[in-house]
């Protein structure tokens, strides 16, 4: 049996793709799990470990308390029941200082490293233009962020990881999901269009992100930012290298941006969304 591993940096569209893949037939998907810990879910209760997600989302009791053993247990259960196992890695914690890594990221793809040789793996990355990732993350130190992000991109390249682009997915989700299914061996179905109803997911579902508010999959305009930030990002060598490696343009101005009127409308929308009954 094969384990599908989905790698995705924070603010790169991983949550919506997680929901889409979770809607496919005969799929069991884990959401933002990692040997160092897991991401947060919606509401007051978060299931951040493989064992917690298996029990609370799929009513499966796992015997072990160890990350890799739990995944291998699930792989066997999925094989016996004709399901496909997808592991959405919490890749962020591998490259960004965080409490889960004692503020000292290993700068490795730990999930792949620990599963290597223990099962057949098909891995892919879901990537986004690093400028938009940086804007969405809100990291003040430009060089610090892109140094971390470049380490992530280099690990993808060094491990020969195939990647699919968030922007192309937003333009044509049917084609992107089909291509991901073809690459991974998952069964394609139009059922993914019900992605917003899929509950077994961690990530941006706990915040009123632009993607969640718009209610459907479509391209997002680049956010407007201050001129000094534009100058800083356009001159960041780490950003240029990361985007070149992934095949993205290397200037803030090279993609469609919000208009000032659209930005004002978005602020009004945020207020209305916040107080929506």
C-alpha atoms as a PDB file:
ATOM      1  CA  UNK A   1       0.000   0.000   0.000  1.00  0.00           C
ATOM      2  CA  UNK A   2       1.153   3.553  -0.723  1.00  0.00           C
ATOM      3  CA  UNK A   3       1.055   6.570   1.573  1.00  0.00           C
ATOM      4  CA  UNK A   4       0.461   9.915  -0.127  1.00  0.00           C
ATOM      5  CA  UNK A   5       2.335  12.738   1.619  1.00  0.00           C
ATOM      6  CA  UNK A   6       1.274  16.321   0.940  1.00  0.00           C
ATOM      7  CA  UNK A   7       3.841  19.006   1.812  1.00  0.00           C
ATOM      8  CA  UNK A   8       2.691  22.590   2.191  1.00  0.00           C
ATOM      9  CA  UNK A   9       4.130  25.691   3.852  1.00  0.00           C
ATOM     10  CA  UNK A  10       1.776  27.856   5.912  1.00  0.00           C
ATOM     11  CA  UNK A  11      -0.464  30.252   3.928  1.00  0.00           C
ATOM     12  CA  UNK A  12      -0.005  28.319   0.688  1.00  0.00           C
ATOM     13  CA  UNK A  13      -3.534  26.979   0.195  1.00  0.00           C
ATOM     14  CA  UNK A  14      -3.039  23.675   1.978  1.00  0.00           C
ATOM     15  CA  UNK A  15      -6.288  23.875   3.940  1.00  0.00           C
ATOM     16  CA  UNK A  16      -8.587  24.111   0.925  1.00  0.00           C
ATOM     17  CA  UNK A  17      -6.671  21.379  -0.920  1.00  0.00           C
ATOM     18  CA  UNK A  18      -6.866  19.225   2.224  1.00  0.00           C
ATOM     19  CA  UNK A  19     -10.651  19.626   2.130  1.00  0.00           C
ATOM     20  CA  UNK A  20     -10.831  18.850  -1.595  1.00  0.00           C
ATOM     21  CA  UNK A  21      -8.781  15.659  -1.298  1.00  0.00           C
ATOM     22  CA  UNK A  22     -10.696  14.624   1.803  1.00  0.00           C
ATOM     23  CA  UNK A  23     -13.908  14.622  -0.252  1.00  0.00           C
ATOM     24  CA  UNK A  24     -12.555  12.082  -2.748  1.00  0.00           C
ATOM     25  CA  UNK A  25     -13.880   8.512  -2.610  1.00  0.00           C
ATOM     26  CA  UNK A  26     -12.298   6.041  -0.173  1.00  0.00           C
ATOM     27  CA  UNK A  27      -9.838   8.543   1.309  1.00  0.00           C
ATOM     28  CA  UNK A  28      -8.605   8.880   4.877  1.00  0.00           C
ATOM     29  CA  UNK A  29      -6.688  12.118   5.286  1.00  0.00           C
ATOM     30  CA  UNK A  30      -4.644  13.350   8.238  1.00  0.00           C
ATOM     31  CA  UNK A  31      -4.390  17.108   8.542  1.00  0.00           C
ATOM     32  CA  UNK A  32      -1.256  19.066   9.536  1.00  0.00           C
ATOM     33  CA  UNK A  33       0.581  16.329  11.404  1.00  0.00           C
ATOM     34  CA  UNK A  34       4.320  16.122  11.953  1.00  0.00           C
ATOM     35  CA  UNK A  35       6.805  14.353  14.246  1.00  0.00           C
ATOM     36  CA  UNK A  36       7.190  17.705  16.049  1.00  0.00           C
ATOM     37  CA  UNK A  37       3.465  18.219  16.610  1.00  0.00           C
ATOM     38  CA  UNK A  38       0.370  19.324  14.729  1.00  0.00           C
ATOM     39  CA  UNK A  39      -1.489  22.385  13.556  1.00  0.00           C
ATOM     40  CA  UNK A  40      -4.643  23.876  15.071  1.00  0.00           C
ATOM     41  CA  UNK A  41      -8.219  23.158  14.067  1.00  0.00           C
ATOM     42  CA  UNK A  42     -11.530  24.950  14.188  1.00  0.00           C
ATOM     43  CA  UNK A  43     -13.186  25.731  17.490  1.00  0.00           C
ATOM     44  CA  UNK A  44     -12.014  25.174  21.036  1.00  0.00           C
ATOM     45  CA  UNK A  45     -10.853  21.568  20.530  1.00  0.00           C
ATOM     46  CA  UNK A  46      -7.945  20.710  18.233  1.00  0.00           C
ATOM     47  CA  UNK A  47      -6.786  17.231  17.344  1.00  0.00           C
ATOM     48  CA  UNK A  48      -3.116  17.671  16.606  1.00  0.00           C
ATOM     49  CA  UNK A  49      -1.687  14.138  16.695  1.00  0.00           C
ATOM     50  CA  UNK A  50      -2.210  11.202  14.350  1.00  0.00           C
ATOM     51  CA  UNK A  51      -3.729   9.194  17.199  1.00  0.00           C
ATOM     52  CA  UNK A  52      -6.200  11.965  18.151  1.00  0.00           C
ATOM     53  CA  UNK A  53      -7.310  12.508  14.569  1.00  0.00           C
ATOM     54  CA  UNK A  54      -7.747   8.784  13.920  1.00  0.00           C
ATOM     55  CA  UNK A  55      -9.935   8.375  17.016  1.00  0.00           C
ATOM     56  CA  UNK A  56     -12.021  11.552  16.838  1.00  0.00           C
ATOM     57  CA  UNK A  57     -12.394  11.865  13.080  1.00  0.00           C
ATOM     58  CA  UNK A  58     -12.494   8.239  11.923  1.00  0.00           C
ATOM     59  CA  UNK A  59     -13.336   6.244  15.077  1.00  0.00           C
ATOM     60  CA  UNK A  60     -10.088   4.279  14.791  1.00  0.00           C
ATOM     61  CA  UNK A  61      -8.204   3.334  17.947  1.00  0.00           C
ATOM     62  CA  UNK A  62      -4.447   3.207  17.353  1.00  0.00           C
ATOM     63  CA  UNK A  63      -2.234   1.219  19.697  1.00  0.00           C
ATOM     64  CA  UNK A  64       1.003   3.166  19.601  1.00  0.00           C
ATOM     65  CA  UNK A  65       1.815   6.646  20.863  1.00  0.00           C
ATOM     66  CA  UNK A  66       4.521   7.220  18.239  1.00  0.00           C
ATOM     67  CA  UNK A  67       4.106   9.245  15.054  1.00  0.00           C
ATOM     68  CA  UNK A  68       5.524   6.799  12.499  1.00  0.00           C
ATOM     69  CA  UNK A  69       3.981   3.724  14.128  1.00  0.00           C
ATOM     70  CA  UNK A  70       0.564   5.397  14.076  1.00  0.00           C
ATOM     71  CA  UNK A  71       0.840   6.197  10.379  1.00  0.00           C
ATOM     72  CA  UNK A  72       1.942   2.645   9.562  1.00  0.00           C
ATOM     73  CA  UNK A  73      -0.983   1.280  11.621  1.00  0.00           C
ATOM     74  CA  UNK A  74      -3.352   3.473   9.608  1.00  0.00           C
ATOM     75  CA  UNK A  75      -1.720   2.381   6.362  1.00  0.00           C
ATOM     76  CA  UNK A  76      -2.534  -1.246   7.192  1.00  0.00           C
ATOM     77  CA  UNK A  77      -6.109  -0.392   8.183  1.00  0.00           C
ATOM     78  CA  UNK A  78      -6.597   1.567   4.954  1.00  0.00           C
ATOM     79  CA  UNK A  79      -5.161  -1.266   2.861  1.00  0.00           C
ATOM     80  CA  UNK A  80      -7.510  -3.758   4.489  1.00  0.00           C
ATOM     81  CA  UNK A  81     -10.549  -1.530   3.930  1.00  0.00           C
ATOM     82  CA  UNK A  82      -9.725  -0.367   0.386  1.00  0.00           C
ATOM     83  CA  UNK A  83      -8.980   3.219   1.345  1.00  0.00           C
ATOM     84  CA  UNK A  84      -6.130   5.546   0.424  1.00  0.00           C
ATOM     85  CA  UNK A  85      -4.124   7.231   3.189  1.00  0.00           C
ATOM     86  CA  UNK A  86      -3.100  10.869   2.710  1.00  0.00           C
ATOM     87  CA  UNK A  87      -0.813  12.564   5.222  1.00  0.00           C
ATOM     88  CA  UNK A  88      -0.911  16.355   5.052  1.00  0.00           C
ATOM     89  CA  UNK A  89       2.376  17.289   6.652  1.00  0.00           C
ATOM     90  CA  UNK A  90       2.630  20.330   8.939  1.00  0.00           C
ATOM     91  CA  UNK A  91       5.682  21.456   6.981  1.00  0.00           C
ATOM     92  CA  UNK A  92       5.802  24.914   8.564  1.00  0.00           C
ATOM     93  CA  UNK A  93       7.198  23.536  11.840  1.00  0.00           C
ATOM     94  CA  UNK A  94      10.229  22.078  10.049  1.00  0.00           C
ATOM     95  CA  UNK A  95      11.525  25.453   8.847  1.00  0.00           C
ATOM     96  CA  UNK A  96      10.164  28.170  11.140  1.00  0.00           C
ATOM     97  CA  UNK A  97      11.197  28.788  14.780  1.00  0.00           C
ATOM     98  CA  UNK A  98       8.220  27.698  16.876  1.00  0.00           C
ATOM     99  CA  UNK A  99       7.450  26.356  20.329  1.00  0.00           C
ATOM    100  CA  UNK A 100       7.056  22.811  18.912  1.00  0.00           C
ATOM    101  CA  UNK A 101      10.663  22.781  17.686  1.00  0.00           C
ATOM    102  CA  UNK A 102      12.030  24.678  20.701  1.00  0.00           C
ATOM    103  CA  UNK A 103      12.531  27.708  18.442  1.00  0.00           C
ATOM    104  CA  UNK A 104      15.187  25.771  16.506  1.00  0.00           C
ATOM    105  CA  UNK A 105      13.757  24.271  13.289  1.00  0.00           C
ATOM    106  CA  UNK A 106      15.558  21.218  11.867  1.00  0.00           C
ATOM    107  CA  UNK A 107      15.243  22.482   8.264  1.00  0.00           C
ATOM    108  CA  UNK A 108      14.399  18.966   7.070  1.00  0.00           C
ATOM    109  CA  UNK A 109      11.300  17.247   5.745  1.00  0.00           C
ATOM    110  CA  UNK A 110      10.944  15.197   8.923  1.00  0.00           C
ATOM    111  CA  UNK A 111       7.807  13.258   7.972  1.00  0.00           C
ATOM    112  CA  UNK A 112       9.391  11.972   4.767  1.00  0.00           C
ATOM    113  CA  UNK A 113      12.669  11.307   6.534  1.00  0.00           C
ATOM    114  CA  UNK A 114      11.034   9.204   9.252  1.00  0.00           C
ATOM    115  CA  UNK A 115       8.780   7.255   6.862  1.00  0.00           C
ATOM    116  CA  UNK A 116      11.506   6.584   4.310  1.00  0.00           C
ATOM    117  CA  UNK A 117      12.130   2.865   3.859  1.00  0.00           C
ATOM    118  CA  UNK A 118       9.152   1.906   6.022  1.00  0.00           C
ATOM    119  CA  UNK A 119       6.496   2.238   3.329  1.00  0.00           C
ATOM    120  CA  UNK A 120       6.067   3.156  -0.310  1.00  0.00           C
ATOM    121  CA  UNK A 121       5.635   6.929  -0.468  1.00  0.00           C
ATOM    122  CA  UNK A 122       4.256   9.266  -3.110  1.00  0.00           C
ATOM    123  CA  UNK A 123       4.940  12.841  -2.078  1.00  0.00           C
ATOM    124  CA  UNK A 124       4.103  16.176  -3.630  1.00  0.00           C
ATOM    125  CA  UNK A 125       4.219  19.824  -2.587  1.00  0.00           C
ATOM    126  CA  UNK A 126       1.499  22.445  -2.944  1.00  0.00           C
ATOM    127  CA  UNK A 127       3.290  25.760  -3.416  1.00  0.00           C
ATOM    128  CA  UNK A 128       2.447  29.430  -3.759  1.00  0.00           C
ATOM    129  CA  UNK A 129       4.290  32.552  -4.887  1.00  0.00           C
ATOM    130  CA  UNK A 130       6.555  33.297  -1.925  1.00  0.00           C
ATOM    131  CA  UNK A 131       5.714  37.020  -2.001  1.00  0.00           C
ATOM    132  CA  UNK A 132       2.063  36.238  -1.275  1.00  0.00           C
ATOM    133  CA  UNK A 133       3.047  33.713   1.404  1.00  0.00           C
ATOM    134  CA  UNK A 134       5.165  36.395   3.091  1.00  0.00           C
ATOM    135  CA  UNK A 135       2.398  39.009   2.884  1.00  0.00           C
ATOM    136  CA  UNK A 136      -0.141  36.580   4.302  1.00  0.00           C
ATOM    137  CA  UNK A 137       2.171  35.487   7.109  1.00  0.00           C
ATOM    138  CA  UNK A 138       2.804  39.116   8.104  1.00  0.00           C
ATOM    139  CA  UNK A 139       6.450  38.487   9.037  1.00  0.00           C
ATOM    140  CA  UNK A 140       8.124  41.898   9.661  1.00  0.00           C
ATOM    141  CA  UNK A 141      11.697  40.776   8.914  1.00  0.00           C
ATOM    142  CA  UNK A 142      11.806  40.238   5.155  1.00  0.00           C
ATOM    143  CA  UNK A 143      15.196  38.543   4.956  1.00  0.00           C
ATOM    144  CA  UNK A 144      14.478  36.278   7.913  1.00  0.00           C
ATOM    145  CA  UNK A 145      11.257  34.986   6.378  1.00  0.00           C
ATOM    146  CA  UNK A 146      12.708  34.360   2.936  1.00  0.00           C
ATOM    147  CA  UNK A 147      15.797  32.716   4.355  1.00  0.00           C
ATOM    148  CA  UNK A 148      13.483  30.205   6.060  1.00  0.00           C
ATOM    149  CA  UNK A 149      11.288  29.833   2.987  1.00  0.00           C
ATOM    150  CA  UNK A 150      14.288  29.306   0.709  1.00  0.00           C
ATOM    151  CA  UNK A 151      15.486  26.472   2.956  1.00  0.00           C
ATOM    152  CA  UNK A 152      12.092  24.847   2.465  1.00  0.00           C
ATOM    153  CA  UNK A 153      12.215  25.274  -1.314  1.00  0.00           C
ATOM    154  CA  UNK A 154      15.752  23.905  -1.473  1.00  0.00           C
ATOM    155  CA  UNK A 155      14.619  20.811   0.445  1.00  0.00           C
ATOM    156  CA  UNK A 156      11.840  20.277  -2.111  1.00  0.00           C
ATOM    157  CA  UNK A 157      14.327  20.572  -4.955  1.00  0.00           C
ATOM    158  CA  UNK A 158      16.989  18.419  -3.274  1.00  0.00           C
ATOM    159  CA  UNK A 159      14.430  15.672  -2.616  1.00  0.00           C
ATOM    160  CA  UNK A 160      13.067  15.860  -6.161  1.00  0.00           C
ATOM    161  CA  UNK A 161       9.553  16.625  -4.899  1.00  0.00           C
ATOM    162  CA  UNK A 162       6.973  17.282  -7.588  1.00  0.00           C
ATOM    163  CA  UNK A 163       4.999  20.440  -6.924  1.00  0.00           C
ATOM    164  CA  UNK A 164       1.611  21.781  -7.926  1.00  0.00           C
ATOM    165  CA  UNK A 165       0.856  25.500  -7.862  1.00  0.00           C
ATOM    166  CA  UNK A 166      -1.864  27.079  -5.763  1.00  0.00           C
ATOM    167  CA  UNK A 167      -2.455  29.794  -8.377  1.00  0.00           C
ATOM    168  CA  UNK A 168      -3.177  27.255 -11.136  1.00  0.00           C
ATOM    169  CA  UNK A 169      -5.453  25.363  -8.757  1.00  0.00           C
ATOM    170  CA  UNK A 170      -7.455  28.556  -8.128  1.00  0.00           C
ATOM    171  CA  UNK A 171      -7.848  29.154 -11.867  1.00  0.00           C
ATOM    172  CA  UNK A 172      -8.964  25.593 -12.636  1.00  0.00           C
ATOM    173  CA  UNK A 173      -9.502  23.413  -9.576  1.00  0.00           C
ATOM    174  CA  UNK A 174     -10.924  20.499 -11.589  1.00  0.00           C
ATOM    175  CA  UNK A 175      -7.775  20.197 -13.685  1.00  0.00           C
ATOM    176  CA  UNK A 176      -5.434  20.571 -10.710  1.00  0.00           C
ATOM    177  CA  UNK A 177      -7.244  18.002  -8.559  1.00  0.00           C
ATOM    178  CA  UNK A 178      -7.355  15.603 -11.511  1.00  0.00           C
ATOM    179  CA  UNK A 179      -3.604  16.015 -12.085  1.00  0.00           C
ATOM    180  CA  UNK A 180      -2.869  15.450  -8.384  1.00  0.00           C
ATOM    181  CA  UNK A 181      -5.031  12.307  -8.438  1.00  0.00           C
ATOM    182  CA  UNK A 182      -3.280  11.038 -11.552  1.00  0.00           C
ATOM    183  CA  UNK A 183       0.143  11.611  -9.994  1.00  0.00           C
ATOM    184  CA  UNK A 184      -0.714  10.037  -6.631  1.00  0.00           C
ATOM    185  CA  UNK A 185      -3.005   7.231  -7.781  1.00  0.00           C
ATOM    186  CA  UNK A 186      -6.029   8.615  -5.945  1.00  0.00           C
ATOM    187  CA  UNK A 187      -9.480   8.063  -7.434  1.00  0.00           C
ATOM    188  CA  UNK A 188     -10.675  11.303  -9.037  1.00  0.00           C
ATOM    189  CA  UNK A 189     -14.227  12.468  -8.461  1.00  0.00           C
ATOM    190  CA  UNK A 190     -16.170  15.694  -8.859  1.00  0.00           C
ATOM    191  CA  UNK A 191     -17.166  15.194  -5.215  1.00  0.00           C
ATOM    192  CA  UNK A 192     -14.291  17.512  -4.275  1.00  0.00           C
ATOM    193  CA  UNK A 193     -16.521  20.486  -5.149  1.00  0.00           C
ATOM    194  CA  UNK A 194     -18.188  19.918  -1.767  1.00  0.00           C
ATOM    195  CA  UNK A 195     -14.886  20.775  -0.078  1.00  0.00           C
ATOM    196  CA  UNK A 196     -16.377  23.428   2.213  1.00  0.00           C
ATOM    197  CA  UNK A 197     -18.470  20.752   3.951  1.00  0.00           C
ATOM    198  CA  UNK A 198     -15.466  18.570   4.783  1.00  0.00           C
ATOM    199  CA  UNK A 199     -14.842  18.890   8.548  1.00  0.00           C
ATOM    200  CA  UNK A 200     -11.684  16.811   9.181  1.00  0.00           C
ATOM    201  CA  UNK A 201      -9.203  19.598   8.630  1.00  0.00           C
ATOM    202  CA  UNK A 202      -6.729  21.794  10.498  1.00  0.00           C
ATOM    203  CA  UNK A 203      -5.396  25.115   9.257  1.00  0.00           C
ATOM    204  CA  UNK A 204      -7.000  28.378   8.166  1.00  0.00           C
ATOM    205  CA  UNK A 205     -10.530  27.197   8.934  1.00  0.00           C
ATOM    206  CA  UNK A 206     -10.124  28.794  12.360  1.00  0.00           C
ATOM    207  CA  UNK A 207      -9.716  32.326  10.945  1.00  0.00           C
ATOM    208  CA  UNK A 208     -11.678  34.518   8.563  1.00  0.00           C
ATOM    209  CA  UNK A 209      -9.113  34.290   5.755  1.00  0.00           C
ATOM    210  CA  UNK A 210      -9.840  35.759   2.339  1.00  0.00           C
ATOM    211  CA  UNK A 211     -10.065  32.311   0.809  1.00  0.00           C
ATOM    212  CA  UNK A 212     -12.580  31.103   3.371  1.00  0.00           C
ATOM    213  CA  UNK A 213     -14.715  34.253   3.090  1.00  0.00           C
ATOM    214  CA  UNK A 214     -15.097  34.147  -0.671  1.00  0.00           C
ATOM    215  CA  UNK A 215     -16.902  30.814  -0.396  1.00  0.00           C
ATOM    216  CA  UNK A 216     -15.500  29.267  -3.562  1.00  0.00           C
ATOM    217  CA  UNK A 217     -12.190  28.523  -5.211  1.00  0.00           C
ATOM    218  CA  UNK A 218     -11.042  31.431  -7.350  1.00  0.00           C
ATOM    219  CA  UNK A 219      -7.869  33.517  -7.797  1.00  0.00           C
ATOM    220  CA  UNK A 220      -6.982  36.089  -5.156  1.00  0.00           C
ATOM    221  CA  UNK A 221      -5.539  39.485  -6.032  1.00  0.00           C
ATOM    222  CA  UNK A 222      -2.246  40.312  -4.370  1.00  0.00           C
ATOM    223  CA  UNK A 223      -2.711  42.426  -1.257  1.00  0.00           C
ATOM    224  CA  UNK A 224      -1.640  46.064  -1.276  1.00  0.00           C
ATOM    225  CA  UNK A 225       1.333  46.803   0.977  1.00  0.00           C
ATOM    226  CA  UNK A 226       3.437  49.850   1.840  1.00  0.00           C
ATOM    227  CA  UNK A 227       6.041  51.115  -0.643  1.00  0.00           C
ATOM    228  CA  UNK A 228       8.958  50.477   1.719  1.00  0.00           C
ATOM    229  CA  UNK A 229       7.909  46.821   2.031  1.00  0.00           C
ATOM    230  CA  UNK A 230       7.665  46.527  -1.745  1.00  0.00           C
ATOM    231  CA  UNK A 231      11.218  47.836  -2.122  1.00  0.00           C
ATOM    232  CA  UNK A 232      12.461  45.452   0.565  1.00  0.00           C
ATOM    233  CA  UNK A 233      10.857  42.361  -0.942  1.00  0.00           C
ATOM    234  CA  UNK A 234      11.823  43.207  -4.527  1.00  0.00           C
ATOM    235  CA  UNK A 235      15.461  43.478  -3.449  1.00  0.00           C
ATOM    236  CA  UNK A 236      15.481  40.322  -1.313  1.00  0.00           C
ATOM    237  CA  UNK A 237      17.910  37.855  -2.920  1.00  0.00           C
ATOM    238  CA  UNK A 238      16.404  34.894  -1.045  1.00  0.00           C
ATOM    239  CA  UNK A 239      12.944  35.698  -2.432  1.00  0.00           C
ATOM    240  CA  UNK A 240      14.332  35.957  -5.950  1.00  0.00           C
ATOM    241  CA  UNK A 241      16.082  32.612  -5.657  1.00  0.00           C
ATOM    242  CA  UNK A 242      13.054  30.849  -4.140  1.00  0.00           C
ATOM    243  CA  UNK A 243      10.685  32.157  -6.809  1.00  0.00           C
ATOM    244  CA  UNK A 244      13.110  31.345  -9.588  1.00  0.00           C
ATOM    245  CA  UNK A 245      13.368  27.764  -8.341  1.00  0.00           C
ATOM    246  CA  UNK A 246       9.583  27.397  -8.298  1.00  0.00           C
ATOM    247  CA  UNK A 247       8.999  29.254 -11.563  1.00  0.00           C
ATOM    248  CA  UNK A 248       7.366  32.395 -10.192  1.00  0.00           C
ATOM    249  CA  UNK A 249       7.967  36.065 -11.141  1.00  0.00           C
ATOM    250  CA  UNK A 250      10.348  37.953  -8.876  1.00  0.00           C
ATOM    251  CA  UNK A 251       8.702  41.346  -8.489  1.00  0.00           C
ATOM    252  CA  UNK A 252       5.773  42.421  -6.350  1.00  0.00           C
ATOM    253  CA  UNK A 253       4.357  44.246  -9.386  1.00  0.00           C
ATOM    254  CA  UNK A 254       4.371  41.241 -11.728  1.00  0.00           C
ATOM    255  CA  UNK A 255       0.915  39.924 -10.742  1.00  0.00           C
ATOM    256  CA  UNK A 256      -2.560  41.455 -10.485  1.00  0.00           C
ATOM    257  CA  UNK A 257      -3.089  43.435  -7.305  1.00  0.00           C
ATOM    258  CA  UNK A 258      -6.082  44.672  -5.366  1.00  0.00           C
ATOM    259  CA  UNK A 259      -7.362  48.148  -6.224  1.00  0.00           C
ATOM    260  CA  UNK A 260      -7.688  50.653  -3.420  1.00  0.00           C
ATOM    261  CA  UNK A 261     -11.466  50.443  -3.882  1.00  0.00           C
ATOM    262  CA  UNK A 262     -11.402  46.663  -3.604  1.00  0.00           C
ATOM    263  CA  UNK A 263      -9.307  46.914  -0.470  1.00  0.00           C
ATOM    264  CA  UNK A 264     -11.863  49.270   1.096  1.00  0.00           C
ATOM    265  CA  UNK A 265     -14.679  46.902   0.122  1.00  0.00           C
ATOM    266  CA  UNK A 266     -12.790  44.006   1.702  1.00  0.00           C
ATOM    267  CA  UNK A 267     -12.507  45.896   4.989  1.00  0.00           C
ATOM    268  CA  UNK A 268     -16.268  46.454   5.004  1.00  0.00           C
ATOM    269  CA  UNK A 269     -16.775  42.770   4.174  1.00  0.00           C
ATOM    270  CA  UNK A 270     -14.541  41.752   7.093  1.00  0.00           C
ATOM    271  CA  UNK A 271     -16.623  43.819   9.503  1.00  0.00           C
ATOM    272  CA  UNK A 272     -19.871  42.332   8.165  1.00  0.00           C
ATOM    273  CA  UNK A 273     -18.400  38.816   8.299  1.00  0.00           C
ATOM    274  CA  UNK A 274     -17.301  39.318  11.898  1.00  0.00           C
ATOM    275  CA  UNK A 275     -20.778  40.277  13.020  1.00  0.00           C
ATOM    276  CA  UNK A 276     -22.658  37.837  10.789  1.00  0.00           C
ATOM    277  CA  UNK A 277     -25.444  36.184  12.848  1.00  0.00           C
END
